[in-house]
C-alpha atoms as a PDB file:
ATOM      1  CA  UNK A   1       0.006  -0.026  -0.007  1.00  0.00           C
ATOM      2  CA  UNK A   2       1.410   3.363  -1.015  1.00  0.00           C
ATOM      3  CA  UNK A   3       0.672   7.004  -0.276  1.00  0.00           C
ATOM      4  CA  UNK A   4       1.754   9.832  -2.500  1.00  0.00           C
ATOM      5  CA  UNK A   5       4.138  12.472  -1.326  1.00  0.00           C
ATOM      6  CA  UNK A   6       4.777  15.060  -4.062  1.00  0.00           C
ATOM      7  CA  UNK A   7       6.141  13.277  -7.070  1.00  0.00           C
ATOM      8  CA  UNK A   8       7.117  10.118  -5.175  1.00  0.00           C
ATOM      9  CA  UNK A   9       5.231   7.351  -3.335  1.00  0.00           C
ATOM     10  CA  UNK A  10       5.990   5.733   0.039  1.00  0.00           C
ATOM     11  CA  UNK A  11       5.201   2.153   0.950  1.00  0.00           C
ATOM     12  CA  UNK A  12       3.091   2.350   4.119  1.00  0.00           C
ATOM     13  CA  UNK A  13       1.957  -1.307   4.409  1.00  0.00           C
ATOM     14  CA  UNK A  14       2.986  -4.637   2.992  1.00  0.00           C
ATOM     15  CA  UNK A  15       2.002  -8.289   3.473  1.00  0.00           C
ATOM     16  CA  UNK A  16       4.221 -11.270   2.584  1.00  0.00           C
ATOM     17  CA  UNK A  17       2.430 -14.414   1.414  1.00  0.00           C
ATOM     18  CA  UNK A  18       3.037 -17.479   3.599  1.00  0.00           C
ATOM     19  CA  UNK A  19       4.658 -19.350   0.651  1.00  0.00           C
ATOM     20  CA  UNK A  20       5.557 -18.911  -2.938  1.00  0.00           C
ATOM     21  CA  UNK A  21       6.855 -15.847  -4.758  1.00  0.00           C
ATOM     22  CA  UNK A  22       7.794 -12.976  -2.504  1.00  0.00           C
ATOM     23  CA  UNK A  23       8.286  -9.592  -4.065  1.00  0.00           C
ATOM     24  CA  UNK A  24       7.107  -6.996  -1.592  1.00  0.00           C
ATOM     25  CA  UNK A  25       8.448  -3.506  -1.086  1.00  0.00           C
ATOM     26  CA  UNK A  26       9.751  -2.859   2.465  1.00  0.00           C
ATOM     27  CA  UNK A  27       7.613  -0.388   4.517  1.00  0.00           C
ATOM     28  CA  UNK A  28       9.083   3.077   4.308  1.00  0.00           C
ATOM     29  CA  UNK A  29      10.620   2.644   0.913  1.00  0.00           C
ATOM     30  CA  UNK A  30      10.229   5.690  -1.305  1.00  0.00           C
ATOM     31  CA  UNK A  31       9.749   4.993  -5.030  1.00  0.00           C
ATOM     32  CA  UNK A  32       9.322   7.225  -8.056  1.00  0.00           C
ATOM     33  CA  UNK A  33       5.928   7.600  -9.586  1.00  0.00           C
ATOM     34  CA  UNK A  34       7.219   6.661 -13.050  1.00  0.00           C
ATOM     35  CA  UNK A  35       6.324   2.951 -13.166  1.00  0.00           C
ATOM     36  CA  UNK A  36       4.067   0.384 -11.615  1.00  0.00           C
ATOM     37  CA  UNK A  37       0.386  -0.061 -11.038  1.00  0.00           C
ATOM     38  CA  UNK A  38       0.466   1.798  -7.688  1.00  0.00           C
ATOM     39  CA  UNK A  39       2.044   4.787  -9.300  1.00  0.00           C
ATOM     40  CA  UNK A  40      -0.540   4.825 -12.053  1.00  0.00           C
ATOM     41  CA  UNK A  41      -3.433   4.829  -9.622  1.00  0.00           C
ATOM     42  CA  UNK A  42      -1.915   7.524  -7.381  1.00  0.00           C
ATOM     43  CA  UNK A  43      -0.948   9.688 -10.372  1.00  0.00           C
ATOM     44  CA  UNK A  44      -4.301   9.183 -12.105  1.00  0.00           C
ATOM     45  CA  UNK A  45      -5.994  11.096  -9.247  1.00  0.00           C
ATOM     46  CA  UNK A  46      -3.195  13.572  -8.590  1.00  0.00           C
ATOM     47  CA  UNK A  47      -3.435  17.255  -9.576  1.00  0.00           C
ATOM     48  CA  UNK A  48      -2.437  18.245 -13.119  1.00  0.00           C
ATOM     49  CA  UNK A  49       0.823  19.829 -12.036  1.00  0.00           C
ATOM     50  CA  UNK A  50       2.030  16.640 -10.358  1.00  0.00           C
ATOM     51  CA  UNK A  51       1.044  14.652 -13.474  1.00  0.00           C
ATOM     52  CA  UNK A  52       2.917  16.966 -15.769  1.00  0.00           C
ATOM     53  CA  UNK A  53       5.987  16.800 -13.537  1.00  0.00           C
ATOM     54  CA  UNK A  54       6.044  12.994 -13.605  1.00  0.00           C
ATOM     55  CA  UNK A  55       4.860  12.014 -17.060  1.00  0.00           C
ATOM     56  CA  UNK A  56       7.963  13.004 -19.099  1.00  0.00           C
ATOM     57  CA  UNK A  57       9.946  10.298 -17.293  1.00  0.00           C
ATOM     58  CA  UNK A  58       7.112   7.733 -16.896  1.00  0.00           C
ATOM     59  CA  UNK A  59       6.741   4.399 -18.676  1.00  0.00           C
ATOM     60  CA  UNK A  60       3.073   5.282 -19.306  1.00  0.00           C
ATOM     61  CA  UNK A  61       1.152   8.221 -20.749  1.00  0.00           C
ATOM     62  CA  UNK A  62      -1.654  10.590 -19.826  1.00  0.00           C
ATOM     63  CA  UNK A  63      -3.861   8.328 -21.894  1.00  0.00           C
ATOM     64  CA  UNK A  64      -2.980   5.463 -19.525  1.00  0.00           C
ATOM     65  CA  UNK A  65      -4.025   7.623 -16.558  1.00  0.00           C
ATOM     66  CA  UNK A  66      -7.343   8.416 -18.245  1.00  0.00           C
ATOM     67  CA  UNK A  67      -7.949   4.630 -18.670  1.00  0.00           C
ATOM     68  CA  UNK A  68      -7.177   4.069 -15.020  1.00  0.00           C
ATOM     69  CA  UNK A  69      -9.653   6.712 -13.946  1.00  0.00           C
ATOM     70  CA  UNK A  70     -12.311   5.156 -16.236  1.00  0.00           C
ATOM     71  CA  UNK A  71     -11.695   1.581 -15.026  1.00  0.00           C
ATOM     72  CA  UNK A  72     -10.918   2.361 -11.432  1.00  0.00           C
ATOM     73  CA  UNK A  73      -7.825   0.114 -11.321  1.00  0.00           C
ATOM     74  CA  UNK A  74      -4.387  -0.298 -12.920  1.00  0.00           C
ATOM     75  CA  UNK A  75      -2.020  -3.119 -13.879  1.00  0.00           C
ATOM     76  CA  UNK A  76       1.568  -3.240 -14.952  1.00  0.00           C
ATOM     77  CA  UNK A  77       3.943  -5.853 -16.309  1.00  0.00           C
ATOM     78  CA  UNK A  78       7.736  -5.529 -16.068  1.00  0.00           C
ATOM     79  CA  UNK A  79       7.616  -1.771 -15.583  1.00  0.00           C
ATOM     80  CA  UNK A  80       9.604  -1.619 -12.366  1.00  0.00           C
ATOM     81  CA  UNK A  81      11.476  -4.881 -12.668  1.00  0.00           C
ATOM     82  CA  UNK A  82      11.918  -6.946 -15.878  1.00  0.00           C
ATOM     83  CA  UNK A  83       9.878 -10.122 -15.767  1.00  0.00           C
ATOM     84  CA  UNK A  84       7.757  -9.150 -12.772  1.00  0.00           C
ATOM     85  CA  UNK A  85       4.078  -8.458 -13.270  1.00  0.00           C
END
């Protein structure tokens, strides 16, 4: 779970599965808003100034953010880490 702080996001909660693949972000980690489904959701509902500051370096477009707002959810595949969806 992330919360937005300016043009970054901070992990505020995480839950490891009891078995299998483990790929969680440690609580307190600060990440850019340029890739990943969490970033898309947070940025889709951010103010226009924040969106314009982030989008030039993002792996998605303003059209993607519009789709996220329309659907109400986001997905990503290999945006932050190659081979991880």
